[in-house]
Amino acid sequence: MWKVADLLTRRPVVNAVLVREELGIPTDHPRRYLGRPTEAGILVEFTDRARNRAWRAPEVLAALDVFAERAGRRG
């Protein structure tokens, strides 16, 4: 789970392909790595599909939004 947490600080929106490529895990294992963070509420699936699912890390995205606001991002 720590590998996934580290990945989420760099890539707060992921899918199984990205997790597999970034972590160097076998093809059939990415969802095993995503299950525990999803159960813990760290990740939230936002696609509602059986295939090509994607997850986001809301707290990481919120922290990035706060940082961008403080940095004076123009919108």
N, C-alpha and C. Protein backbone atom coordinates (compact mmCIF):
# COMPACT_ATOMS: atom_id res chain seq x y z
N MET A 1 0.81 -1.19 0.00
CA MET A 1 0.00 0.00 0.00
C MET A 1 0.85 1.26 0.00
N TRP A 2 2.05 1.20 0.58
CA TRP A 2 2.91 2.38 0.63
C TRP A 2 3.36 2.80 -0.76
N LYS A 3 3.58 1.82 -1.65
CA LYS A 3 3.96 2.16 -3.02
C LYS A 3 2.85 2.94 -3.71
N VAL A 4 1.61 2.53 -3.46
CA VAL A 4 0.47 3.23 -4.05
C VAL A 4 0.37 4.63 -3.45
N ALA A 5 0.55 4.77 -2.15
CA ALA A 5 0.48 6.08 -1.50
C ALA A 5 1.52 7.02 -2.08
N ASP A 6 2.72 6.52 -2.29
CA ASP A 6 3.78 7.33 -2.88
C ASP A 6 3.40 7.75 -4.30
N LEU A 7 2.85 6.81 -5.06
CA LEU A 7 2.42 7.12 -6.42
C LEU A 7 1.36 8.21 -6.43
N LEU A 8 0.43 8.14 -5.49
CA LEU A 8 -0.68 9.10 -5.45
C LEU A 8 -0.23 10.52 -5.16
N THR A 9 0.91 10.68 -4.51
CA THR A 9 1.42 12.03 -4.29
C THR A 9 1.91 12.65 -5.60
N ARG A 10 2.28 11.80 -6.53
CA ARG A 10 2.74 12.28 -7.84
C ARG A 10 1.63 12.24 -8.89
N ARG A 11 0.75 11.27 -8.77
CA ARG A 11 -0.32 11.05 -9.75
C ARG A 11 -1.63 10.80 -9.01
N PRO A 12 -2.36 11.83 -8.62
CA PRO A 12 -3.55 11.64 -7.78
C PRO A 12 -4.76 11.07 -8.51
N VAL A 13 -4.67 10.90 -9.82
CA VAL A 13 -5.72 10.23 -10.60
C VAL A 13 -5.05 9.09 -11.34
N VAL A 14 -5.54 7.85 -11.10
CA VAL A 14 -4.88 6.67 -11.65
C VAL A 14 -5.89 5.70 -12.24
N ASN A 15 -5.38 4.82 -13.07
CA ASN A 15 -6.14 3.66 -13.53
C ASN A 15 -5.23 2.45 -13.37
N ALA A 16 -5.74 1.27 -13.66
CA ALA A 16 -4.98 0.04 -13.44
C ALA A 16 -3.73 0.00 -14.31
N VAL A 17 -3.82 0.48 -15.53
CA VAL A 17 -2.66 0.46 -16.43
C VAL A 17 -1.54 1.34 -15.88
N LEU A 18 -1.88 2.54 -15.43
CA LEU A 18 -0.88 3.44 -14.88
C LEU A 18 -0.23 2.83 -13.64
N VAL A 19 -1.04 2.25 -12.76
CA VAL A 19 -0.50 1.63 -11.54
C VAL A 19 0.45 0.49 -11.92
N ARG A 20 0.04 -0.34 -12.85
CA ARG A 20 0.89 -1.45 -13.28
C ARG A 20 2.21 -0.94 -13.83
N GLU A 21 2.17 0.05 -14.70
CA GLU A 21 3.39 0.57 -15.32
C GLU A 21 4.28 1.28 -14.31
N GLU A 22 3.70 2.11 -13.46
CA GLU A 22 4.49 2.88 -12.50
C GLU A 22 5.11 2.01 -11.41
N LEU A 23 4.38 0.97 -10.98
CA LEU A 23 4.88 0.13 -9.89
C LEU A 23 5.58 -1.12 -10.39
N GLY A 24 5.51 -1.39 -11.70
CA GLY A 24 6.17 -2.57 -12.26
C GLY A 24 5.60 -3.87 -11.74
N ILE A 25 4.28 -3.97 -11.70
CA ILE A 25 3.64 -5.18 -11.19
C ILE A 25 3.01 -5.96 -12.34
N PRO A 26 2.75 -7.26 -12.14
CA PRO A 26 2.15 -8.07 -13.20
C PRO A 26 0.78 -7.55 -13.63
N THR A 27 0.40 -7.89 -14.83
CA THR A 27 -0.83 -7.40 -15.45
C THR A 27 -2.07 -7.63 -14.59
N ASP A 28 -2.18 -8.77 -13.93
CA ASP A 28 -3.42 -9.10 -13.23
C ASP A 28 -3.46 -8.61 -11.78
N HIS A 29 -2.49 -7.83 -11.34
CA HIS A 29 -2.44 -7.44 -9.94
C HIS A 29 -2.75 -5.99 -9.60
N PRO A 30 -2.90 -5.06 -10.52
CA PRO A 30 -3.12 -3.66 -10.10
C PRO A 30 -4.31 -3.46 -9.17
N ARG A 31 -5.40 -4.15 -9.41
CA ARG A 31 -6.58 -3.92 -8.56
C ARG A 31 -6.34 -4.41 -7.13
N ARG A 32 -5.46 -5.38 -6.96
CA ARG A 32 -5.11 -5.80 -5.60
C ARG A 32 -4.45 -4.66 -4.85
N TYR A 33 -3.68 -3.86 -5.56
CA TYR A 33 -3.00 -2.72 -4.94
C TYR A 33 -3.96 -1.56 -4.68
N LEU A 34 -5.04 -1.50 -5.42
CA LEU A 34 -5.99 -0.40 -5.29
C LEU A 34 -7.12 -0.69 -4.31
N GLY A 35 -7.34 -1.95 -3.98
CA GLY A 35 -8.45 -2.34 -3.11
C GLY A 35 -8.37 -1.76 -1.71
N ARG A 36 -7.24 -1.92 -1.06
CA ARG A 36 -7.13 -1.43 0.32
C ARG A 36 -7.22 0.09 0.43
N PRO A 37 -6.54 0.85 -0.44
CA PRO A 37 -6.71 2.31 -0.36
C PRO A 37 -8.15 2.75 -0.67
N THR A 38 -8.84 2.00 -1.52
CA THR A 38 -10.24 2.33 -1.82
C THR A 38 -11.11 2.05 -0.60
N GLU A 39 -10.90 0.90 0.04
CA GLU A 39 -11.66 0.56 1.25
C GLU A 39 -11.41 1.58 2.37
N ALA A 40 -10.20 2.11 2.43
CA ALA A 40 -9.84 3.07 3.48
C ALA A 40 -10.30 4.49 3.14
N GLY A 41 -10.84 4.69 1.95
CA GLY A 41 -11.31 6.02 1.56
C GLY A 41 -10.23 6.92 1.00
N ILE A 42 -9.03 6.39 0.83
CA ILE A 42 -7.93 7.17 0.26
C ILE A 42 -8.16 7.38 -1.23
N LEU A 43 -8.68 6.36 -1.88
CA LEU A 43 -9.03 6.42 -3.29
C LEU A 43 -10.53 6.32 -3.45
N VAL A 44 -11.04 7.00 -4.48
CA VAL A 44 -12.47 6.94 -4.80
C VAL A 44 -12.58 6.65 -6.29
N GLU A 45 -13.30 5.58 -6.62
CA GLU A 45 -13.54 5.30 -8.04
C GLU A 45 -14.55 6.31 -8.55
N PHE A 46 -14.29 6.86 -9.74
CA PHE A 46 -15.22 7.86 -10.27
C PHE A 46 -15.76 7.53 -11.64
N THR A 47 -15.48 6.32 -12.14
CA THR A 47 -15.92 5.98 -13.48
C THR A 47 -17.20 5.15 -13.51
N ASP A 48 -17.51 4.41 -12.48
CA ASP A 48 -18.71 3.56 -12.42
C ASP A 48 -18.83 2.62 -13.62
N ARG A 49 -17.71 2.03 -13.99
CA ARG A 49 -17.70 1.07 -15.10
C ARG A 49 -17.07 -0.23 -14.63
N ALA A 50 -17.33 -1.30 -15.37
CA ALA A 50 -16.69 -2.58 -15.06
C ALA A 50 -15.28 -2.63 -15.64
N ARG A 51 -15.08 -1.96 -16.76
CA ARG A 51 -13.76 -1.94 -17.41
C ARG A 51 -13.26 -0.50 -17.49
N ASN A 52 -11.96 -0.38 -17.65
CA ASN A 52 -11.34 0.95 -17.77
C ASN A 52 -11.71 1.87 -16.60
N ARG A 53 -11.66 1.30 -15.42
CA ARG A 53 -11.99 2.06 -14.22
C ARG A 53 -10.87 3.02 -13.87
N ALA A 54 -11.21 4.10 -13.19
CA ALA A 54 -10.22 5.08 -12.74
C ALA A 54 -10.57 5.52 -11.32
N TRP A 55 -9.54 5.92 -10.59
CA TRP A 55 -9.68 6.33 -9.20
C TRP A 55 -9.01 7.67 -9.01
N ARG A 56 -9.48 8.41 -8.00
CA ARG A 56 -8.86 9.68 -7.65
C ARG A 56 -8.60 9.71 -6.15
N ALA A 57 -7.61 10.47 -5.76
CA ALA A 57 -7.27 10.65 -4.35
C ALA A 57 -7.76 12.04 -3.95
N PRO A 58 -8.98 12.15 -3.42
CA PRO A 58 -9.59 13.46 -3.15
C PRO A 58 -8.76 14.36 -2.23
N GLU A 59 -8.14 13.80 -1.22
CA GLU A 59 -7.37 14.64 -0.29
C GLU A 59 -6.13 15.22 -0.96
N VAL A 60 -5.49 14.44 -1.83
CA VAL A 60 -4.33 14.94 -2.55
C VAL A 60 -4.77 16.03 -3.53
N LEU A 61 -5.85 15.80 -4.24
CA LEU A 61 -6.36 16.80 -5.17
C LEU A 61 -6.77 18.08 -4.45
N ALA A 62 -7.38 17.95 -3.28
CA ALA A 62 -7.77 19.14 -2.51
C ALA A 62 -6.54 19.92 -2.06
N ALA A 63 -5.49 19.21 -1.62
CA ALA A 63 -4.26 19.88 -1.20
C ALA A 63 -3.62 20.61 -2.39
N LEU A 64 -3.66 20.01 -3.57
CA LEU A 64 -3.13 20.68 -4.75
C LEU A 64 -3.94 21.92 -5.11
N ASP A 65 -5.25 21.84 -4.95
CA ASP A 65 -6.10 23.01 -5.21
C ASP A 65 -5.78 24.15 -4.25
N VAL A 66 -5.59 23.82 -2.96
CA VAL A 66 -5.26 24.84 -1.97
C VAL A 66 -3.91 25.46 -2.31
N PHE A 67 -2.95 24.64 -2.67
CA PHE A 67 -1.63 25.15 -3.04
C PHE A 67 -1.74 26.08 -4.25
N ALA A 68 -2.49 25.65 -5.26
CA ALA A 68 -2.63 26.47 -6.46
C ALA A 68 -3.30 27.81 -6.13
N GLU A 69 -4.27 27.79 -5.25
CA GLU A 69 -4.94 29.02 -4.85
C GLU A 69 -3.98 29.96 -4.13
N ARG A 70 -3.19 29.39 -3.21
CA ARG A 70 -2.21 30.21 -2.48
C ARG A 70 -1.13 30.74 -3.41
N ALA A 71 -0.78 29.97 -4.43
CA ALA A 71 0.28 30.37 -5.36
C ALA A 71 -0.22 31.39 -6.37
N GLY A 72 -1.53 31.65 -6.37
CA GLY A 72 -2.06 32.67 -7.25
C GLY A 72 -2.36 32.17 -8.65
N ARG A 73 -2.76 30.91 -8.75
CA ARG A 73 -3.14 30.38 -10.04
C ARG A 73 -4.23 31.24 -10.64
N ARG A 74 -4.09 31.53 -11.89
CA ARG A 74 -5.11 32.34 -12.56
C ARG A 74 -6.17 31.40 -13.12
N GLY A 75 -7.43 31.74 -12.93
CA GLY A 75 -8.51 30.86 -13.38
C GLY A 75 -9.42 31.45 -14.38
